[in-house]
Amino acid sequence: MSTHAATCMFLVLLCLVAPVWAANDDVEMVPVPAGEFTMGGQGKAVDEDAMERPEAKLALPDFAIDKTEVTTTQYCKFLNTLVTTKDEAGHALLGMPKYLSVEEVNGHWQPKGGRERWPMGNVTWYGALAYAKWAGKRLPTEAEFEKAARGSDGRKFPWGADLDQSKLRFGQDNLGPVGGYPAGASPCGALDMAGSVWEWTSSVFKPYPYVADDGREDPANITDRRVARGGSFTGEPYLATTTYRFRPYPWEAYPFLGFRCAR
């Protein structure tokens, strides 16, 4: 077999075995390998919450997660395709207009000036879920978010053991484009998994240990509190740990609450 023919055969085989992900958005995704990681914490330090206990080992299959949070530009594309701001059940996708980084002009949604790469905040859980479905993806479970954020070595922050405010977007006047702090990348290469905006997950807020089939990942449950992860540009920086569990109701929307997708 010639070198050219062998190369062609290899490419064909690669296409057959490699996952092919078609999505309506253009968010780059990074792979998270299968395996075990430590979920939760001992909940004893001043910057830990009792609902992080007990610490336990959990194994997950491989998955992929968006490298960055969904941006205002990407969310506007979704809204302009959907042509509504409510889901099929009538739930609002967005919070109060005055807190949005996007605006509707002559029936067309667009980011406000200079905010084209900002994370899409002030979106309800219903709004995050609807976008994920439209994109051909889903919201990550809180277990997936934590594994992507801390890796298999149990990091307290995506970059390591200690808080370093030069590695996360923090401060009331410091919200800006996604991916602006590459030094704060997680072990899998995901950005802004600490700071920037809190991120919705699919998971219902329930006590640990995390058990996926105990109802917390039941798609029929669309009313209970959800878990959001990662901290934000507002609040306290110690809340940006890989284990902290914010628990808003699905209809709540805040400028400091956004999301990313998984697959």
C-alpha atoms as a PDB file:
ATOM      1  CA  MET A   1       0.000   0.000   0.000  1.00  0.00           C
ATOM      2  CA  SER A   2       1.376   3.441  -0.901  1.00  0.00           C
ATOM      3  CA  THR A   3       2.041   6.059   1.758  1.00  0.00           C
ATOM      4  CA  HIS A   4      -0.800   8.183   0.350  1.00  0.00           C
ATOM      5  CA  ALA A   5      -3.256   5.277   0.441  1.00  0.00           C
ATOM      6  CA  ALA A   6      -2.214   4.383   3.992  1.00  0.00           C
ATOM      7  CA  THR A   7      -2.742   7.976   5.117  1.00  0.00           C
ATOM      8  CA  CYS A   8      -6.211   8.064   3.538  1.00  0.00           C
ATOM      9  CA  MET A   9      -7.121   4.793   5.231  1.00  0.00           C
ATOM     10  CA  PHE A  10      -5.967   6.166   8.597  1.00  0.00           C
ATOM     11  CA  LEU A  11      -8.103   9.283   8.173  1.00  0.00           C
ATOM     12  CA  VAL A  12     -11.144   7.201   7.294  1.00  0.00           C
ATOM     13  CA  LEU A  13     -10.664   5.040  10.372  1.00  0.00           C
ATOM     14  CA  LEU A  14     -10.154   8.137  12.524  1.00  0.00           C
ATOM     15  CA  CYS A  15     -13.465   9.548  11.336  1.00  0.00           C
ATOM     16  CA  LEU A  16     -15.195   6.284  12.181  1.00  0.00           C
ATOM     17  CA  VAL A  17     -13.921   6.106  15.757  1.00  0.00           C
ATOM     18  CA  ALA A  18     -13.688   9.788  16.724  1.00  0.00           C
ATOM     19  CA  PRO A  19     -16.797  11.487  18.144  1.00  0.00           C
ATOM     20  CA  VAL A  20     -18.427  13.928  15.751  1.00  0.00           C
ATOM     21  CA  TRP A  21     -20.284  16.722  17.517  1.00  0.00           C
ATOM     22  CA  ALA A  22     -22.529  18.976  15.516  1.00  0.00           C
ATOM     23  CA  ALA A  23     -23.865  21.944  17.425  1.00  0.00           C
ATOM     24  CA  ASN A  24     -25.766  25.101  16.580  1.00  0.00           C
ATOM     25  CA  ASP A  25     -23.299  27.243  18.497  1.00  0.00           C
ATOM     26  CA  ASP A  26     -19.593  27.674  17.893  1.00  0.00           C
ATOM     27  CA  VAL A  27     -18.323  27.241  21.456  1.00  0.00           C
ATOM     28  CA  GLU A  28     -15.122  25.218  21.552  1.00  0.00           C
ATOM     29  CA  MET A  29     -15.386  22.113  23.746  1.00  0.00           C
ATOM     30  CA  VAL A  30     -12.631  20.379  25.697  1.00  0.00           C
ATOM     31  CA  PRO A  31     -12.595  16.670  26.590  1.00  0.00           C
ATOM     32  CA  VAL A  32     -12.701  15.419  30.167  1.00  0.00           C
ATOM     33  CA  PRO A  33     -11.386  11.848  30.387  1.00  0.00           C
ATOM     34  CA  ALA A  34     -13.228   9.034  32.137  1.00  0.00           C
ATOM     35  CA  GLY A  35     -12.109   8.108  35.617  1.00  0.00           C
ATOM     36  CA  GLU A  36     -12.377   8.750  39.315  1.00  0.00           C
ATOM     37  CA  PHE A  37     -12.108  12.074  41.122  1.00  0.00           C
ATOM     38  CA  THR A  38     -12.761  13.431  44.595  1.00  0.00           C
ATOM     39  CA  MET A  39     -16.097  15.233  44.903  1.00  0.00           C
ATOM     40  CA  GLY A  40     -16.905  17.543  47.795  1.00  0.00           C
ATOM     41  CA  GLY A  41     -14.804  18.632  50.711  1.00  0.00           C
ATOM     42  CA  GLN A  42     -14.381  18.162  54.417  1.00  0.00           C
ATOM     43  CA  GLY A  43     -16.363  21.340  55.062  1.00  0.00           C
ATOM     44  CA  LYS A  44     -14.211  22.384  57.995  1.00  0.00           C
ATOM     45  CA  ALA A  45     -12.300  25.390  56.699  1.00  0.00           C
ATOM     46  CA  VAL A  46     -13.681  28.930  56.982  1.00  0.00           C
ATOM     47  CA  ASP A  47     -14.215  29.008  53.216  1.00  0.00           C
ATOM     48  CA  GLU A  48     -16.136  25.730  53.071  1.00  0.00           C
ATOM     49  CA  ASP A  49     -19.826  25.023  53.455  1.00  0.00           C
ATOM     50  CA  ALA A  50     -21.339  22.109  55.365  1.00  0.00           C
ATOM     51  CA  MET A  51     -23.259  21.079  52.241  1.00  0.00           C
ATOM     52  CA  GLU A  52     -19.938  20.130  50.620  1.00  0.00           C
ATOM     53  CA  ARG A  53     -19.712  17.156  52.976  1.00  0.00           C
ATOM     54  CA  PRO A  54     -19.034  14.293  52.853  1.00  0.00           C
ATOM     55  CA  GLU A  55     -16.006  14.134  50.585  1.00  0.00           C
ATOM     56  CA  ALA A  56     -16.227  11.037  48.408  1.00  0.00           C
ATOM     57  CA  LYS A  57     -14.726   9.344  45.372  1.00  0.00           C
ATOM     58  CA  LEU A  58     -16.857   9.305  42.242  1.00  0.00           C
ATOM     59  CA  ALA A  59     -16.184   7.810  38.814  1.00  0.00           C
ATOM     60  CA  LEU A  60     -17.583   9.412  35.650  1.00  0.00           C
ATOM     61  CA  PRO A  61     -17.455   8.385  31.999  1.00  0.00           C
ATOM     62  CA  ASP A  62     -15.716  10.687  29.566  1.00  0.00           C
ATOM     63  CA  PHE A  63     -17.554  13.803  28.390  1.00  0.00           C
ATOM     64  CA  ALA A  64     -16.839  17.181  26.866  1.00  0.00           C
ATOM     65  CA  ILE A  65     -17.536  20.632  28.288  1.00  0.00           C
ATOM     66  CA  ASP A  66     -17.526  24.090  26.749  1.00  0.00           C
ATOM     67  CA  LYS A  67     -14.137  25.749  27.056  1.00  0.00           C
ATOM     68  CA  THR A  68     -15.801  29.043  27.992  1.00  0.00           C
ATOM     69  CA  GLU A  69     -19.160  30.250  29.196  1.00  0.00           C
ATOM     70  CA  VAL A  70     -21.859  30.904  26.613  1.00  0.00           C
ATOM     71  CA  THR A  71     -21.517  34.502  25.434  1.00  0.00           C
ATOM     72  CA  THR A  72     -24.052  37.207  24.739  1.00  0.00           C
ATOM     73  CA  THR A  73     -23.446  36.848  20.987  1.00  0.00           C
ATOM     74  CA  GLN A  74     -24.166  33.131  21.082  1.00  0.00           C
ATOM     75  CA  TYR A  75     -27.260  33.601  23.219  1.00  0.00           C
ATOM     76  CA  CYS A  76     -28.592  36.290  20.883  1.00  0.00           C
ATOM     77  CA  LYS A  77     -28.262  33.846  17.978  1.00  0.00           C
ATOM     78  CA  PHE A  78     -30.411  31.436  19.979  1.00  0.00           C
ATOM     79  CA  LEU A  79     -33.008  34.090  20.832  1.00  0.00           C
ATOM     80  CA  ASN A  80     -33.242  35.244  17.221  1.00  0.00           C
ATOM     81  CA  THR A  81     -33.804  31.670  16.101  1.00  0.00           C
ATOM     82  CA  LEU A  82     -36.349  30.981  18.827  1.00  0.00           C
ATOM     83  CA  VAL A  83     -38.229  34.295  18.362  1.00  0.00           C
ATOM     84  CA  THR A  84     -39.540  34.184  21.931  1.00  0.00           C
ATOM     85  CA  THR A  85     -38.238  34.715  25.465  1.00  0.00           C
ATOM     86  CA  LYS A  86     -40.217  31.878  27.027  1.00  0.00           C
ATOM     87  CA  ASP A  87     -39.833  28.113  26.857  1.00  0.00           C
ATOM     88  CA  GLU A  88     -42.564  25.727  25.749  1.00  0.00           C
ATOM     89  CA  ALA A  89     -44.037  25.645  29.265  1.00  0.00           C
ATOM     90  CA  GLY A  90     -44.120  29.437  29.512  1.00  0.00           C
ATOM     91  CA  HIS A  91     -41.105  29.877  31.786  1.00  0.00           C
ATOM     92  CA  ALA A  92     -39.151  33.096  31.278  1.00  0.00           C
ATOM     93  CA  LEU A  93     -35.693  32.603  29.791  1.00  0.00           C
ATOM     94  CA  LEU A  94     -34.335  35.962  30.943  1.00  0.00           C
ATOM     95  CA  GLY A  95     -34.335  38.166  34.000  1.00  0.00           C
ATOM     96  CA  MET A  96     -35.172  41.865  34.235  1.00  0.00           C
ATOM     97  CA  PRO A  97     -34.217  43.740  31.020  1.00  0.00           C
ATOM     98  CA  LYS A  98     -32.316  46.497  32.819  1.00  0.00           C
ATOM     99  CA  TYR A  99     -29.775  43.926  34.065  1.00  0.00           C
ATOM    100  CA  LEU A 100     -29.203  42.284  30.679  1.00  0.00           C
ATOM    101  CA  SER A 101     -26.066  42.646  28.568  1.00  0.00           C
ATOM    102  CA  VAL A 102     -28.220  42.098  25.470  1.00  0.00           C
ATOM    103  CA  GLU A 103     -31.053  44.163  24.014  1.00  0.00           C
ATOM    104  CA  GLU A 104     -33.840  43.778  21.493  1.00  0.00           C
ATOM    105  CA  VAL A 105     -33.709  46.355  18.710  1.00  0.00           C
ATOM    106  CA  ASN A 106     -36.445  46.302  16.043  1.00  0.00           C
ATOM    107  CA  GLY A 107     -37.264  42.710  16.911  1.00  0.00           C
ATOM    108  CA  HIS A 108     -33.636  41.571  16.727  1.00  0.00           C
ATOM    109  CA  TRP A 109     -31.560  40.594  19.744  1.00  0.00           C
ATOM    110  CA  GLN A 110     -27.992  41.871  19.948  1.00  0.00           C
ATOM    111  CA  PRO A 111     -25.306  42.338  22.604  1.00  0.00           C
ATOM    112  CA  LYS A 112     -25.077  45.806  24.069  1.00  0.00           C
ATOM    113  CA  GLY A 113     -22.132  47.787  22.751  1.00  0.00           C
ATOM    114  CA  GLY A 114     -18.763  46.325  23.712  1.00  0.00           C
ATOM    115  CA  ARG A 115     -20.267  43.250  25.358  1.00  0.00           C
ATOM    116  CA  GLU A 116     -20.161  40.847  22.423  1.00  0.00           C
ATOM    117  CA  ARG A 117     -17.836  38.415  24.222  1.00  0.00           C
ATOM    118  CA  TRP A 118     -19.243  38.823  27.711  1.00  0.00           C
ATOM    119  CA  PRO A 119     -20.702  35.763  29.444  1.00  0.00           C
ATOM    120  CA  MET A 120     -24.473  35.589  29.107  1.00  0.00           C
ATOM    121  CA  GLY A 121     -25.764  36.411  32.573  1.00  0.00           C
ATOM    122  CA  ASN A 122     -29.192  37.191  33.979  1.00  0.00           C
ATOM    123  CA  VAL A 123     -30.551  33.994  32.457  1.00  0.00           C
ATOM    124  CA  THR A 124     -32.849  31.570  34.280  1.00  0.00           C
ATOM    125  CA  TRP A 125     -32.192  27.860  34.529  1.00  0.00           C
ATOM    126  CA  TYR A 126     -34.984  27.428  32.001  1.00  0.00           C
ATOM    127  CA  GLY A 127     -33.137  29.792  29.684  1.00  0.00           C
ATOM    128  CA  ALA A 128     -29.884  27.899  30.078  1.00  0.00           C
ATOM    129  CA  LEU A 129     -31.627  24.556  29.547  1.00  0.00           C
ATOM    130  CA  ALA A 130     -33.439  25.774  26.421  1.00  0.00           C
ATOM    131  CA  TYR A 131     -30.204  27.083  24.916  1.00  0.00           C
ATOM    132  CA  ALA A 132     -28.389  23.821  25.612  1.00  0.00           C
ATOM    133  CA  LYS A 133     -31.124  21.826  23.875  1.00  0.00           C
ATOM    134  CA  TRP A 134     -31.097  24.210  20.901  1.00  0.00           C
ATOM    135  CA  ALA A 135     -27.315  23.880  20.645  1.00  0.00           C
ATOM    136  CA  GLY A 136     -27.548  20.084  20.564  1.00  0.00           C
ATOM    137  CA  LYS A 137     -25.907  19.819  23.965  1.00  0.00           C
ATOM    138  CA  ARG A 138     -27.054  19.740  27.597  1.00  0.00           C
ATOM    139  CA  LEU A 139     -26.207  21.365  30.911  1.00  0.00           C
ATOM    140  CA  PRO A 140     -23.416  19.667  32.845  1.00  0.00           C
ATOM    141  CA  THR A 141     -24.274  17.838  36.037  1.00  0.00           C
ATOM    142  CA  GLU A 142     -22.685  19.351  39.125  1.00  0.00           C
ATOM    143  CA  ALA A 143     -20.440  16.275  39.301  1.00  0.00           C
ATOM    144  CA  GLU A 144     -19.233  16.921  35.759  1.00  0.00           C
ATOM    145  CA  PHE A 145     -18.646  20.590  36.458  1.00  0.00           C
ATOM    146  CA  GLU A 146     -16.621  19.766  39.561  1.00  0.00           C
ATOM    147  CA  LYS A 147     -14.505  17.171  37.807  1.00  0.00           C
ATOM    148  CA  ALA A 148     -13.821  19.504  34.878  1.00  0.00           C
ATOM    149  CA  ALA A 149     -12.912  22.282  37.324  1.00  0.00           C
ATOM    150  CA  ARG A 150     -10.645  20.386  39.714  1.00  0.00           C
ATOM    151  CA  GLY A 151      -9.400  17.344  37.810  1.00  0.00           C
ATOM    152  CA  SER A 152      -8.393  14.051  39.370  1.00  0.00           C
ATOM    153  CA  ASP A 153      -5.974  15.608  41.878  1.00  0.00           C
ATOM    154  CA  GLY A 154      -8.665  17.306  43.977  1.00  0.00           C
ATOM    155  CA  ARG A 155      -7.756  20.958  43.409  1.00  0.00           C
ATOM    156  CA  LYS A 156      -9.454  23.556  45.569  1.00  0.00           C
ATOM    157  CA  PHE A 157      -9.309  26.041  42.705  1.00  0.00           C
ATOM    158  CA  PRO A 158      -9.016  25.177  39.013  1.00  0.00           C
ATOM    159  CA  TRP A 159      -5.339  26.185  38.997  1.00  0.00           C
ATOM    160  CA  GLY A 160      -4.292  24.686  42.340  1.00  0.00           C
ATOM    161  CA  ALA A 161      -4.606  24.796  46.096  1.00  0.00           C
ATOM    162  CA  ASP A 162      -4.520  28.525  46.839  1.00  0.00           C
ATOM    163  CA  LEU A 163      -6.697  31.509  45.982  1.00  0.00           C
ATOM    164  CA  ASP A 164      -4.972  33.713  43.411  1.00  0.00           C
ATOM    165  CA  GLN A 165      -7.089  36.671  42.306  1.00  0.00           C
ATOM    166  CA  SER A 166      -4.836  37.230  39.294  1.00  0.00           C
ATOM    167  CA  LYS A 167      -6.242  33.986  37.851  1.00  0.00           C
ATOM    168  CA  LEU A 168      -9.967  34.724  37.979  1.00  0.00           C
ATOM    169  CA  ARG A 169     -12.289  37.514  36.922  1.00  0.00           C
ATOM    170  CA  PHE A 170     -13.413  39.079  40.188  1.00  0.00           C
ATOM    171  CA  GLY A 171     -14.710  42.490  41.206  1.00  0.00           C
ATOM    172  CA  GLN A 172     -17.886  44.489  40.631  1.00  0.00           C
ATOM    173  CA  ASP A 173     -16.227  46.493  37.856  1.00  0.00           C
ATOM    174  CA  ASN A 174     -14.291  43.592  36.370  1.00  0.00           C
ATOM    175  CA  LEU A 175     -16.863  41.676  34.344  1.00  0.00           C
ATOM    176  CA  GLY A 176     -15.635  41.322  30.781  1.00  0.00           C
ATOM    177  CA  PRO A 177     -14.983  38.938  27.884  1.00  0.00           C
ATOM    178  CA  VAL A 178     -14.834  35.188  28.473  1.00  0.00           C
ATOM    179  CA  GLY A 179     -11.448  33.483  28.455  1.00  0.00           C
ATOM    180  CA  GLY A 180      -9.541  36.520  29.675  1.00  0.00           C
ATOM    181  CA  TYR A 181      -7.638  34.648  32.407  1.00  0.00           C
ATOM    182  CA  PRO A 182      -5.870  31.724  30.702  1.00  0.00           C
ATOM    183  CA  ALA A 183      -3.577  31.237  33.715  1.00  0.00           C
ATOM    184  CA  GLY A 184      -6.650  30.148  35.662  1.00  0.00           C
ATOM    185  CA  ALA A 185      -7.463  27.263  33.329  1.00  0.00           C
ATOM    186  CA  SER A 186      -8.664  23.997  34.839  1.00  0.00           C
ATOM    187  CA  PRO A 187      -6.794  20.698  34.318  1.00  0.00           C
ATOM    188  CA  CYS A 188      -8.876  19.927  31.205  1.00  0.00           C
ATOM    189  CA  GLY A 189      -8.251  23.377  29.743  1.00  0.00           C
ATOM    190  CA  ALA A 190     -11.632  24.946  30.534  1.00  0.00           C
ATOM    191  CA  LEU A 191     -11.556  28.671  31.326  1.00  0.00           C
ATOM    192  CA  ASP A 192     -13.438  30.830  33.837  1.00  0.00           C
ATOM    193  CA  MET A 193     -14.525  27.869  35.963  1.00  0.00           C
ATOM    194  CA  ALA A 194     -13.803  30.152  38.904  1.00  0.00           C
ATOM    195  CA  GLY A 195     -15.022  33.745  38.947  1.00  0.00           C
ATOM    196  CA  SER A 196     -16.715  35.541  36.038  1.00  0.00           C
ATOM    197  CA  VAL A 197     -20.319  34.288  36.532  1.00  0.00           C
ATOM    198  CA  TRP A 198     -21.887  31.467  38.497  1.00  0.00           C
ATOM    199  CA  GLU A 199     -22.893  28.639  36.183  1.00  0.00           C
ATOM    200  CA  TRP A 200     -26.111  26.651  36.164  1.00  0.00           C
ATOM    201  CA  THR A 201     -25.876  22.859  36.236  1.00  0.00           C
ATOM    202  CA  SER A 202     -28.590  20.310  35.545  1.00  0.00           C
ATOM    203  CA  SER A 203     -28.547  19.043  39.131  1.00  0.00           C
ATOM    204  CA  VAL A 204     -31.256  19.482  41.748  1.00  0.00           C
ATOM    205  CA  PHE A 205     -29.782  20.616  45.051  1.00  0.00           C
ATOM    206  CA  LYS A 206     -29.696  17.568  47.306  1.00  0.00           C
ATOM    207  CA  PRO A 207     -27.383  16.515  50.136  1.00  0.00           C
ATOM    208  CA  TYR A 208     -24.274  14.489  49.383  1.00  0.00           C
ATOM    209  CA  PRO A 209     -23.160  11.916  48.563  1.00  0.00           C
ATOM    210  CA  TYR A 210     -23.896  12.604  44.904  1.00  0.00           C
ATOM    211  CA  VAL A 211     -25.969   9.767  43.421  1.00  0.00           C
ATOM    212  CA  ALA A 212     -27.085  10.454  39.859  1.00  0.00           C
ATOM    213  CA  ASP A 213     -30.166   8.210  39.994  1.00  0.00           C
ATOM    214  CA  ASP A 214     -31.623   9.457  43.291  1.00  0.00           C
ATOM    215  CA  GLY A 215     -33.809  12.056  41.562  1.00  0.00           C
ATOM    216  CA  ARG A 216     -31.337  14.922  41.341  1.00  0.00           C
ATOM    217  CA  GLU A 217     -30.915  14.387  37.588  1.00  0.00           C
ATOM    218  CA  ASP A 218     -34.589  13.660  36.895  1.00  0.00           C
ATOM    219  CA  PRO A 219     -35.494  15.695  33.776  1.00  0.00           C
ATOM    220  CA  ALA A 220     -39.123  15.801  34.888  1.00  0.00           C
ATOM    221  CA  ASN A 221     -38.196  17.839  37.962  1.00  0.00           C
ATOM    222  CA  ILE A 222     -38.141  21.435  36.767  1.00  0.00           C
ATOM    223  CA  THR A 223     -39.154  23.286  39.945  1.00  0.00           C
ATOM    224  CA  ASP A 224     -36.666  22.435  42.718  1.00  0.00           C
ATOM    225  CA  ARG A 225     -33.542  24.431  43.535  1.00  0.00           C
ATOM    226  CA  ARG A 226     -30.636  23.837  41.185  1.00  0.00           C
ATOM    227  CA  VAL A 227     -26.919  23.857  41.873  1.00  0.00           C
ATOM    228  CA  ALA A 228     -24.775  26.585  40.343  1.00  0.00           C
ATOM    229  CA  ARG A 229     -20.998  26.395  40.469  1.00  0.00           C
ATOM    230  CA  GLY A 230     -17.808  28.398  40.106  1.00  0.00           C
ATOM    231  CA  GLY A 231     -18.340  31.664  41.956  1.00  0.00           C
ATOM    232  CA  SER A 232     -18.634  34.995  40.171  1.00  0.00           C
ATOM    233  CA  PHE A 233     -17.241  38.480  39.759  1.00  0.00           C
ATOM    234  CA  THR A 234     -19.329  39.579  42.728  1.00  0.00           C
ATOM    235  CA  GLY A 235     -19.680  38.268  46.287  1.00  0.00           C
ATOM    236  CA  GLU A 236     -16.633  36.791  48.018  1.00  0.00           C
ATOM    237  CA  PRO A 237     -13.681  35.293  46.107  1.00  0.00           C
ATOM    238  CA  TYR A 238     -13.503  32.275  48.426  1.00  0.00           C
ATOM    239  CA  LEU A 239     -16.848  31.134  46.997  1.00  0.00           C
ATOM    240  CA  ALA A 240     -15.040  30.422  43.723  1.00  0.00           C
ATOM    241  CA  THR A 241     -13.727  27.075  44.951  1.00  0.00           C
ATOM    242  CA  THR A 242     -14.312  23.937  42.917  1.00  0.00           C
ATOM    243  CA  THR A 243     -16.606  22.551  45.627  1.00  0.00           C
ATOM    244  CA  TYR A 244     -18.897  25.427  46.656  1.00  0.00           C
ATOM    245  CA  ARG A 245     -22.598  24.859  45.899  1.00  0.00           C
ATOM    246  CA  PHE A 246     -24.785  27.904  45.194  1.00  0.00           C
ATOM    247  CA  ARG A 247     -28.458  26.830  45.099  1.00  0.00           C
ATOM    248  CA  PRO A 248     -30.847  29.241  43.341  1.00  0.00           C
ATOM    249  CA  TYR A 249     -34.367  28.410  42.220  1.00  0.00           C
ATOM    250  CA  PRO A 250     -34.673  27.714  38.476  1.00  0.00           C
ATOM    251  CA  TRP A 251     -36.732  30.864  37.831  1.00  0.00           C
ATOM    252  CA  GLU A 252     -34.171  33.162  39.437  1.00  0.00           C
ATOM    253  CA  ALA A 253     -31.915  35.283  37.215  1.00  0.00           C
ATOM    254  CA  TYR A 254     -28.987  37.481  38.188  1.00  0.00           C
ATOM    255  CA  PRO A 255     -26.326  39.401  36.236  1.00  0.00           C
ATOM    256  CA  PHE A 256     -23.755  37.176  37.954  1.00  0.00           C
ATOM    257  CA  LEU A 257     -25.388  33.877  36.928  1.00  0.00           C
ATOM    258  CA  GLY A 258     -24.718  32.280  33.532  1.00  0.00           C
ATOM    259  CA  PHE A 259     -23.805  28.843  32.172  1.00  0.00           C
ATOM    260  CA  ARG A 260     -21.835  26.631  29.820  1.00  0.00           C
ATOM    261  CA  CYS A 261     -22.846  23.385  28.118  1.00  0.00           C
ATOM    262  CA  ALA A 262     -21.624  19.790  28.092  1.00  0.00           C
ATOM    263  CA  ARG A 263     -21.969  16.776  25.842  1.00  0.00           C
END
